[in-house]
Amino acid sequence: MPNIKSAKKRVKVIATKTMQNKAINSQLKTEIKKANAAIAAGAADKEAVVRVAIKKIDQAASKGILHKNTAARRKSALAKKLNAGA
């Protein structure tokens, strides 16, 4: 446990940021799963669901939760599945 005041604050700040990152990551995974399910089921609104998932991927990348190349790879995979299923 830290003794120095600034170190104690860093522990609090890191805990807060970790919770925010987990929430964003969880939401991102949920949207990607929804998009994959919509593509697999051949849903009528699958383009809209994929668009939302891509937006979440971009938001995570802009916040530094995903690396930009990882974000690009995931978006490409979704687009490839969408085009193959369409």
PDB file of N, CA and C in Angstrom:
ATOM      1  N   MET A   1       0.844  -1.179   0.000  1.00  0.00           N
ATOM      2  CA  MET A   1       0.000   0.000   0.000  1.00  0.00           C
ATOM      3  C   MET A   1       0.887   1.239   0.000  1.00  0.00           C
ATOM      4  N   PRO A   2       0.551   2.221  -0.822  1.00  0.00           N
ATOM      5  CA  PRO A   2       1.405   3.412  -0.894  1.00  0.00           C
ATOM      6  C   PRO A   2       1.307   4.282   0.363  1.00  0.00           C
ATOM      7  N   ASN A   3       2.407   4.932   0.674  1.00  0.00           N
ATOM      8  CA  ASN A   3       2.449   5.845   1.819  1.00  0.00           C
ATOM      9  C   ASN A   3       2.406   7.294   1.386  1.00  0.00           C
ATOM     10  N   ILE A   4       2.915   7.567   0.194  1.00  0.00           N
ATOM     11  CA  ILE A   4       2.997   8.938  -0.294  1.00  0.00           C
ATOM     12  C   ILE A   4       1.639   9.366  -0.852  1.00  0.00           C
ATOM     13  N   LYS A   5       1.290  10.632  -0.586  1.00  0.00           N
ATOM     14  CA  LYS A   5      -0.025  11.146  -0.962  1.00  0.00           C
ATOM     15  C   LYS A   5      -0.283  11.023  -2.471  1.00  0.00           C
ATOM     16  N   SER A   6       0.701  11.362  -3.280  1.00  0.00           N
ATOM     17  CA  SER A   6       0.513  11.306  -4.740  1.00  0.00           C
ATOM     18  C   SER A   6       0.353   9.865  -5.218  1.00  0.00           C
ATOM     19  N   ALA A   7       1.036   8.944  -4.565  1.00  0.00           N
ATOM     20  CA  ALA A   7       0.916   7.530  -4.929  1.00  0.00           C
ATOM     21  C   ALA A   7      -0.470   7.000  -4.572  1.00  0.00           C
ATOM     22  N   LYS A   8      -1.010   7.460  -3.429  1.00  0.00           N
ATOM     23  CA  LYS A   8      -2.367   7.067  -3.043  1.00  0.00           C
ATOM     24  C   LYS A   8      -3.370   7.556  -4.075  1.00  0.00           C
ATOM     25  N   LYS A   9      -3.173   8.772  -4.544  1.00  0.00           N
ATOM     26  CA  LYS A   9      -4.081   9.334  -5.554  1.00  0.00           C
ATOM     27  C   LYS A   9      -3.978   8.540  -6.853  1.00  0.00           C
ATOM     28  N   ARG A  10      -2.779   8.166  -7.243  1.00  0.00           N
ATOM     29  CA  ARG A  10      -2.607   7.390  -8.482  1.00  0.00           C
ATOM     30  C   ARG A  10      -3.374   6.071  -8.401  1.00  0.00           C
ATOM     31  N   VAL A  11      -3.366   5.437  -7.233  1.00  0.00           N
ATOM     32  CA  VAL A  11      -4.090   4.180  -7.059  1.00  0.00           C
ATOM     33  C   VAL A  11      -5.583   4.408  -7.305  1.00  0.00           C
ATOM     34  N   LYS A  12      -6.122   5.504  -6.755  1.00  0.00           N
ATOM     35  CA  LYS A  12      -7.542   5.826  -6.944  1.00  0.00           C
ATOM     36  C   LYS A  12      -7.853   6.112  -8.411  1.00  0.00           C
ATOM     37  N   VAL A  13      -6.996   6.910  -9.049  1.00  0.00           N
ATOM     38  CA  VAL A  13      -7.218   7.300 -10.444  1.00  0.00           C
ATOM     39  C   VAL A  13      -7.154   6.079 -11.358  1.00  0.00           C
ATOM     40  N   ILE A  14      -6.180   5.208 -11.112  1.00  0.00           N
ATOM     41  CA  ILE A  14      -6.032   4.004 -11.938  1.00  0.00           C
ATOM     42  C   ILE A  14      -7.251   3.100 -11.779  1.00  0.00           C
ATOM     43  N   ALA A  15      -7.762   2.984 -10.550  1.00  0.00           N
ATOM     44  CA  ALA A  15      -8.954   2.157 -10.323  1.00  0.00           C
ATOM     45  C   ALA A  15     -10.150   2.708 -11.088  1.00  0.00           C
ATOM     46  N   THR A  16     -10.311   4.030 -11.086  1.00  0.00           N
ATOM     47  CA  THR A  16     -11.419   4.668 -11.809  1.00  0.00           C
ATOM     48  C   THR A  16     -11.291   4.431 -13.304  1.00  0.00           C
ATOM     49  N   LYS A  17     -10.093   4.633 -13.833  1.00  0.00           N
ATOM     50  CA  LYS A  17      -9.873   4.451 -15.269  1.00  0.00           C
ATOM     51  C   LYS A  17     -10.053   2.996 -15.675  1.00  0.00           C
ATOM     52  N   THR A  18      -9.640   2.073 -14.813  1.00  0.00           N
ATOM     53  CA  THR A  18      -9.806   0.650 -15.101  1.00  0.00           C
ATOM     54  C   THR A  18     -11.282   0.308 -15.230  1.00  0.00           C
ATOM     55  N   MET A  19     -12.107   0.856 -14.341  1.00  0.00           N
ATOM     56  CA  MET A  19     -13.548   0.600 -14.398  1.00  0.00           C
ATOM     57  C   MET A  19     -14.153   1.165 -15.694  1.00  0.00           C
ATOM     58  N   GLN A  20     -13.720   2.363 -16.087  1.00  0.00           N
ATOM     59  CA  GLN A  20     -14.216   2.956 -17.337  1.00  0.00           C
ATOM     60  C   GLN A  20     -13.818   2.109 -18.531  1.00  0.00           C
ATOM     61  N   ASN A  21     -12.559   1.666 -18.555  1.00  0.00           N
ATOM     62  CA  ASN A  21     -12.074   0.851 -19.668  1.00  0.00           C
ATOM     63  C   ASN A  21     -12.819  -0.478 -19.741  1.00  0.00           C
ATOM     64  N   LYS A  22     -13.097  -1.088 -18.586  1.00  0.00           N
ATOM     65  CA  LYS A  22     -13.824  -2.352 -18.564  1.00  0.00           C
ATOM     66  C   LYS A  22     -15.239  -2.168 -19.101  1.00  0.00           C
ATOM     67  N   ALA A  23     -15.872  -1.063 -18.729  1.00  0.00           N
ATOM     68  CA  ALA A  23     -17.241  -0.800 -19.195  1.00  0.00           C
ATOM     69  C   ALA A  23     -17.264  -0.630 -20.707  1.00  0.00           C
ATOM     70  N   ILE A  24     -16.319   0.120 -21.243  1.00  0.00           N
ATOM     71  CA  ILE A  24     -16.258   0.349 -22.684  1.00  0.00           C
ATOM     72  C   ILE A  24     -15.946  -0.954 -23.413  1.00  0.00           C
ATOM     73  N   ASN A  25     -15.011  -1.730 -22.875  1.00  0.00           N
ATOM     74  CA  ASN A  25     -14.628  -3.003 -23.480  1.00  0.00           C
ATOM     75  C   ASN A  25     -15.793  -3.989 -23.492  1.00  0.00           C
ATOM     76  N   SER A  26     -16.542  -4.019 -22.406  1.00  0.00           N
ATOM     77  CA  SER A  26     -17.691  -4.909 -22.301  1.00  0.00           C
ATOM     78  C   SER A  26     -18.757  -4.523 -23.320  1.00  0.00           C
ATOM     79  N   GLN A  27     -19.013  -3.230 -23.437  1.00  0.00           N
ATOM     80  CA  GLN A  27     -19.997  -2.732 -24.396  1.00  0.00           C
ATOM     81  C   GLN A  27     -19.560  -3.044 -25.823  1.00  0.00           C
ATOM     82  N   LEU A  28     -18.281  -2.900 -26.070  1.00  0.00           N
ATOM     83  CA  LEU A  28     -17.721  -3.190 -27.389  1.00  0.00           C
ATOM     84  C   LEU A  28     -17.929  -4.663 -27.749  1.00  0.00           C
ATOM     85  N   LYS A  29     -17.603  -5.561 -26.819  1.00  0.00           N
ATOM     86  CA  LYS A  29     -17.771  -6.993 -27.067  1.00  0.00           C
ATOM     87  C   LYS A  29     -19.232  -7.339 -27.326  1.00  0.00           C
ATOM     88  N   THR A  30     -20.131  -6.709 -26.573  1.00  0.00           N
ATOM     89  CA  THR A  30     -21.561  -6.956 -26.744  1.00  0.00           C
ATOM     90  C   THR A  30     -22.023  -6.558 -28.139  1.00  0.00           C
ATOM     91  N   GLU A  31     -21.595  -5.388 -28.593  1.00  0.00           N
ATOM     92  CA  GLU A  31     -22.007  -4.908 -29.917  1.00  0.00           C
ATOM     93  C   GLU A  31     -21.454  -5.799 -31.029  1.00  0.00           C
ATOM     94  N   ILE A  32     -20.219  -6.264 -30.856  1.00  0.00           N
ATOM     95  CA  ILE A  32     -19.627  -7.151 -31.871  1.00  0.00           C
ATOM     96  C   ILE A  32     -20.387  -8.475 -31.911  1.00  0.00           C
ATOM     97  N   LYS A  33     -20.753  -9.003 -30.726  1.00  0.00           N
ATOM     98  CA  LYS A  33     -21.530 -10.248 -30.681  1.00  0.00           C
ATOM     99  C   LYS A  33     -22.888 -10.058 -31.343  1.00  0.00           C
ATOM    100  N   LYS A  34     -23.542  -8.911 -31.087  1.00  0.00           N
ATOM    101  CA  LYS A  34     -24.839  -8.625 -31.708  1.00  0.00           C
ATOM    102  C   LYS A  34     -24.706  -8.581 -33.225  1.00  0.00           C
ATOM    103  N   ALA A  35     -23.627  -7.935 -33.706  1.00  0.00           N
ATOM    104  CA  ALA A  35     -23.411  -7.821 -35.150  1.00  0.00           C
ATOM    105  C   ALA A  35     -23.182  -9.202 -35.766  1.00  0.00           C
ATOM    106  N   ASN A  36     -22.359 -10.023 -35.135  1.00  0.00           N
ATOM    107  CA  ASN A  36     -22.101 -11.373 -35.647  1.00  0.00           C
ATOM    108  C   ASN A  36     -23.378 -12.212 -35.651  1.00  0.00           C
ATOM    109  N   ALA A  37     -24.197 -12.056 -34.603  1.00  0.00           N
ATOM    110  CA  ALA A  37     -25.449 -12.807 -34.534  1.00  0.00           C
ATOM    111  C   ALA A  37     -26.415 -12.350 -35.619  1.00  0.00           C
ATOM    112  N   ALA A  38     -26.473 -11.041 -35.867  1.00  0.00           N
ATOM    113  CA  ALA A  38     -27.370 -10.508 -36.894  1.00  0.00           C
ATOM    114  C   ALA A  38     -26.946 -10.985 -38.285  1.00  0.00           C
ATOM    115  N   ILE A  39     -25.642 -11.036 -38.524  1.00  0.00           N
ATOM    116  CA  ILE A  39     -25.135 -11.512 -39.815  1.00  0.00           C
ATOM    117  C   ILE A  39     -25.454 -12.996 -39.980  1.00  0.00           C
ATOM    118  N   ALA A  40     -25.223 -13.765 -38.922  1.00  0.00           N
ATOM    119  CA  ALA A  40     -25.462 -15.206 -38.992  1.00  0.00           C
ATOM    120  C   ALA A  40     -26.942 -15.521 -39.197  1.00  0.00           C
ATOM    121  N   ALA A  41     -27.812 -14.722 -38.558  1.00  0.00           N
ATOM    122  CA  ALA A  41     -29.249 -14.964 -38.658  1.00  0.00           C
ATOM    123  C   ALA A  41     -29.834 -14.389 -39.943  1.00  0.00           C
ATOM    124  N   GLY A  42     -29.072 -13.551 -40.625  1.00  0.00           N
ATOM    125  CA  GLY A  42     -29.574 -12.913 -41.840  1.00  0.00           C
ATOM    126  C   GLY A  42     -30.657 -11.897 -41.539  1.00  0.00           C
ATOM    127  N   ALA A  43     -30.498 -11.176 -40.435  1.00  0.00           N
ATOM    128  CA  ALA A  43     -31.494 -10.196 -40.014  1.00  0.00           C
ATOM    129  C   ALA A  43     -31.624  -9.077 -41.043  1.00  0.00           C
ATOM    130  N   ALA A  44     -32.802  -8.471 -41.080  1.00  0.00           N
ATOM    131  CA  ALA A  44     -33.057  -7.407 -42.049  1.00  0.00           C
ATOM    132  C   ALA A  44     -32.235  -6.153 -41.743  1.00  0.00           C
ATOM    133  N   ASP A  45     -31.976  -5.902 -40.463  1.00  0.00           N
ATOM    134  CA  ASP A  45     -31.256  -4.687 -40.064  1.00  0.00           C
ATOM    135  C   ASP A  45     -29.784  -4.947 -39.773  1.00  0.00           C
ATOM    136  N   LYS A  46     -29.208  -5.965 -40.416  1.00  0.00           N
ATOM    137  CA  LYS A  46     -27.817  -6.325 -40.092  1.00  0.00           C
ATOM    138  C   LYS A  46     -26.832  -5.217 -40.457  1.00  0.00           C
ATOM    139  N   GLU A  47     -27.106  -4.430 -41.515  1.00  0.00           N
ATOM    140  CA  GLU A  47     -26.201  -3.325 -41.872  1.00  0.00           C
ATOM    141  C   GLU A  47     -26.157  -2.287 -40.757  1.00  0.00           C
ATOM    142  N   ALA A  48     -27.324  -1.987 -40.191  1.00  0.00           N
ATOM    143  CA  ALA A  48     -27.388  -0.993 -39.114  1.00  0.00           C
ATOM    144  C   ALA A  48     -26.665  -1.497 -37.867  1.00  0.00           C
ATOM    145  N   VAL A  49     -26.823  -2.775 -37.554  1.00  0.00           N
ATOM    146  CA  VAL A  49     -26.177  -3.348 -36.372  1.00  0.00           C
ATOM    147  C   VAL A  49     -24.660  -3.351 -36.548  1.00  0.00           C
ATOM    148  N   VAL A  50     -24.209  -3.680 -37.752  1.00  0.00           N
ATOM    149  CA  VAL A  50     -22.765  -3.666 -38.030  1.00  0.00           C
ATOM    150  C   VAL A  50     -22.232  -2.243 -37.952  1.00  0.00           C
ATOM    151  N   ARG A  51     -23.002  -1.283 -38.433  1.00  0.00           N
ATOM    152  CA  ARG A  51     -22.586   0.119 -38.374  1.00  0.00           C
ATOM    153  C   ARG A  51     -22.389   0.566 -36.927  1.00  0.00           C
ATOM    154  N   VAL A  52     -23.293   0.160 -36.038  1.00  0.00           N
ATOM    155  CA  VAL A  52     -23.167   0.494 -34.611  1.00  0.00           C
ATOM    156  C   VAL A  52     -21.914  -0.156 -34.026  1.00  0.00           C
ATOM    157  N   ALA A  53     -21.664  -1.412 -34.389  1.00  0.00           N
ATOM    158  CA  ALA A  53     -20.486  -2.115 -33.882  1.00  0.00           C
ATOM    159  C   ALA A  53     -19.201  -1.431 -34.352  1.00  0.00           C
ATOM    160  N   ILE A  54     -19.180  -1.015 -35.611  1.00  0.00           N
ATOM    161  CA  ILE A  54     -17.995  -0.325 -36.144  1.00  0.00           C
ATOM    162  C   ILE A  54     -17.785   1.006 -35.431  1.00  0.00           C
ATOM    163  N   LYS A  55     -18.881   1.682 -35.120  1.00  0.00           N
ATOM    164  CA  LYS A  55     -18.771   2.947 -34.382  1.00  0.00           C
ATOM    165  C   LYS A  55     -18.155   2.702 -33.006  1.00  0.00           C
ATOM    166  N   LYS A  56     -18.603   1.637 -32.319  1.00  0.00           N
ATOM    167  CA  LYS A  56     -18.055   1.315 -30.998  1.00  0.00           C
ATOM    168  C   LYS A  56     -16.573   0.963 -31.094  1.00  0.00           C
ATOM    169  N   ILE A  57     -16.182   0.261 -32.146  1.00  0.00           N
ATOM    170  CA  ILE A  57     -14.772  -0.080 -32.345  1.00  0.00           C
ATOM    171  C   ILE A  57     -13.952   1.192 -32.518  1.00  0.00           C
ATOM    172  N   ASP A  58     -14.452   2.130 -33.322  1.00  0.00           N
ATOM    173  CA  ASP A  58     -13.750   3.392 -33.532  1.00  0.00           C
ATOM    174  C   ASP A  58     -13.635   4.189 -32.232  1.00  0.00           C
ATOM    175  N   GLN A  59     -14.707   4.191 -31.440  1.00  0.00           N
ATOM    176  CA  GLN A  59     -14.672   4.916 -30.172  1.00  0.00           C
ATOM    177  C   GLN A  59     -13.639   4.304 -29.224  1.00  0.00           C
ATOM    178  N   ALA A  60     -13.587   2.990 -29.173  1.00  0.00           N
ATOM    179  CA  ALA A  60     -12.607   2.322 -28.300  1.00  0.00           C
ATOM    180  C   ALA A  60     -11.184   2.625 -28.761  1.00  0.00           C
ATOM    181  N   ALA A  61     -10.979   2.658 -30.078  1.00  0.00           N
ATOM    182  CA  ALA A  61      -9.644   2.959 -30.602  1.00  0.00           C
ATOM    183  C   ALA A  61      -9.252   4.402 -30.291  1.00  0.00           C
ATOM    184  N   SER A  62     -10.208   5.319 -30.386  1.00  0.00           N
ATOM    185  CA  SER A  62      -9.891   6.722 -30.122  1.00  0.00           C
ATOM    186  C   SER A  62      -9.566   6.955 -28.651  1.00  0.00           C
ATOM    187  N   LYS A  63     -10.130   6.144 -27.771  1.00  0.00           N
ATOM    188  CA  LYS A  63      -9.852   6.271 -26.335  1.00  0.00           C
ATOM    189  C   LYS A  63      -8.613   5.488 -25.911  1.00  0.00           C
ATOM    190  N   GLY A  64      -8.008   4.759 -26.852  1.00  0.00           N
ATOM    191  CA  GLY A  64      -6.792   4.027 -26.547  1.00  0.00           C
ATOM    192  C   GLY A  64      -7.037   2.658 -25.937  1.00  0.00           C
ATOM    193  N   ILE A  65      -8.276   2.205 -25.972  1.00  0.00           N
ATOM    194  CA  ILE A  65      -8.589   0.887 -25.410  1.00  0.00           C
ATOM    195  C   ILE A  65      -8.193  -0.197 -26.402  1.00  0.00           C
ATOM    196  N   LEU A  66      -8.349   0.092 -27.683  1.00  0.00           N
ATOM    197  CA  LEU A  66      -7.883  -0.806 -28.745  1.00  0.00           C
ATOM    198  C   LEU A  66      -6.791  -0.102 -29.534  1.00  0.00           C
ATOM    199  N   HIS A  67      -5.806  -0.855 -29.970  1.00  0.00           N
ATOM    200  CA  HIS A  67      -4.793  -0.326 -30.877  1.00  0.00           C
ATOM    201  C   HIS A  67      -5.452  -0.066 -32.225  1.00  0.00           C
ATOM    202  N   LYS A  68      -4.979   0.933 -32.960  1.00  0.00           N
ATOM    203  CA  LYS A  68      -5.641   1.299 -34.220  1.00  0.00           C
ATOM    204  C   LYS A  68      -5.622   0.161 -35.240  1.00  0.00           C
ATOM    205  N   ASN A  69      -4.554  -0.652 -35.240  1.00  0.00           N
ATOM    206  CA  ASN A  69      -4.505  -1.774 -36.182  1.00  0.00           C
ATOM    207  C   ASN A  69      -5.472  -2.887 -35.772  1.00  0.00           C
ATOM    208  N   THR A  70      -5.626  -3.085 -34.470  1.00  0.00           N
ATOM    209  CA  THR A  70      -6.585  -4.062 -33.980  1.00  0.00           C
ATOM    210  C   THR A  70      -7.995  -3.633 -34.361  1.00  0.00           C
ATOM    211  N   ALA A  71      -8.275  -2.338 -34.213  1.00  0.00           N
ATOM    212  CA  ALA A  71      -9.590  -1.802 -34.578  1.00  0.00           C
ATOM    213  C   ALA A  71      -9.842  -2.003 -36.069  1.00  0.00           C
ATOM    214  N   ALA A  72      -8.841  -1.724 -36.877  1.00  0.00           N
ATOM    215  CA  ALA A  72      -8.986  -1.880 -38.327  1.00  0.00           C
ATOM    216  C   ALA A  72      -9.231  -3.341 -38.687  1.00  0.00           C
ATOM    217  N   ARG A  73      -8.530  -4.253 -38.014  1.00  0.00           N
ATOM    218  CA  ARG A  73      -8.692  -5.678 -38.280  1.00  0.00           C
ATOM    219  C   ARG A  73     -10.093  -6.157 -37.913  1.00  0.00           C
ATOM    220  N   ARG A  74     -10.603  -5.696 -36.798  1.00  0.00           N
ATOM    221  CA  ARG A  74     -11.944  -6.111 -36.362  1.00  0.00           C
ATOM    222  C   ARG A  74     -13.022  -5.539 -37.280  1.00  0.00           C
ATOM    223  N   LYS A  75     -12.852  -4.290 -37.698  1.00  0.00           N
ATOM    224  CA  LYS A  75     -13.822  -3.682 -38.623  1.00  0.00           C
ATOM    225  C   LYS A  75     -13.800  -4.408 -39.959  1.00  0.00           C
ATOM    226  N   SER A  76     -12.612  -4.760 -40.426  1.00  0.00           N
ATOM    227  CA  SER A  76     -12.470  -5.469 -41.692  1.00  0.00           C
ATOM    228  C   SER A  76     -13.136  -6.836 -41.620  1.00  0.00           C
ATOM    229  N   ALA A  77     -12.961  -7.524 -40.508  1.00  0.00           N
ATOM    230  CA  ALA A  77     -13.565  -8.849 -40.340  1.00  0.00           C
ATOM    231  C   ALA A  77     -15.088  -8.757 -40.355  1.00  0.00           C
ATOM    232  N   LEU A  78     -15.627  -7.733 -39.687  1.00  0.00           N
ATOM    233  CA  LEU A  78     -17.080  -7.542 -39.693  1.00  0.00           C
ATOM    234  C   LEU A  78     -17.588  -7.246 -41.098  1.00  0.00           C
ATOM    235  N   ALA A  79     -16.886  -6.363 -41.798  1.00  0.00           N
ATOM    236  CA  ALA A  79     -17.302  -6.002 -43.161  1.00  0.00           C
ATOM    237  C   ALA A  79     -17.229  -7.214 -44.084  1.00  0.00           C
ATOM    238  N   LYS A  80     -16.198  -8.023 -43.917  1.00  0.00           N
ATOM    239  CA  LYS A  80     -16.033  -9.214 -44.750  1.00  0.00           C
ATOM    240  C   LYS A  80     -17.187 -10.192 -44.512  1.00  0.00           C
ATOM    241  N   LYS A  81     -17.556 -10.400 -43.238  1.00  0.00           N
ATOM    242  CA  LYS A  81     -18.667 -11.288 -42.912  1.00  0.00           C
ATOM    243  C   LYS A  81     -19.979 -10.746 -43.477  1.00  0.00           C
ATOM    244  N   LEU A  82     -20.155  -9.428 -43.344  1.00  0.00           N
ATOM    245  CA  LEU A  82     -21.391  -8.797 -43.830  1.00  0.00           C
ATOM    246  C   LEU A  82     -21.517  -8.980 -45.350  1.00  0.00           C
ATOM    247  N   ASN A  83     -20.435  -8.741 -46.067  1.00  0.00           N
ATOM    248  CA  ASN A  83     -20.459  -8.841 -47.528  1.00  0.00           C
ATOM    249  C   ASN A  83     -20.620 -10.294 -47.989  1.00  0.00           C
ATOM    250  N   ALA A  84     -20.035 -11.228 -47.254  1.00  0.00           N
ATOM    251  CA  ALA A  84     -20.171 -12.637 -47.608  1.00  0.00           C
ATOM    252  C   ALA A  84     -21.580 -13.134 -47.358  1.00  0.00           C
ATOM    253  N   GLY A  85     -22.193 -12.617 -46.277  1.00  0.00           N
ATOM    254  CA  GLY A  85     -23.536 -13.038 -45.935  1.00  0.00           C
ATOM    255  C   GLY A  85     -24.615 -12.362 -46.747  1.00  0.00           C
ATOM    256  N   ALA A  86     -24.282 -11.239 -47.366  1.00  0.00           N
ATOM    257  CA  ALA A  86     -25.294 -10.450 -48.090  1.00  0.00           C
ATOM    258  C   ALA A  86     -25.593 -11.015 -49.460  1.00  0.00           C
TER     259      ALA A  86
END
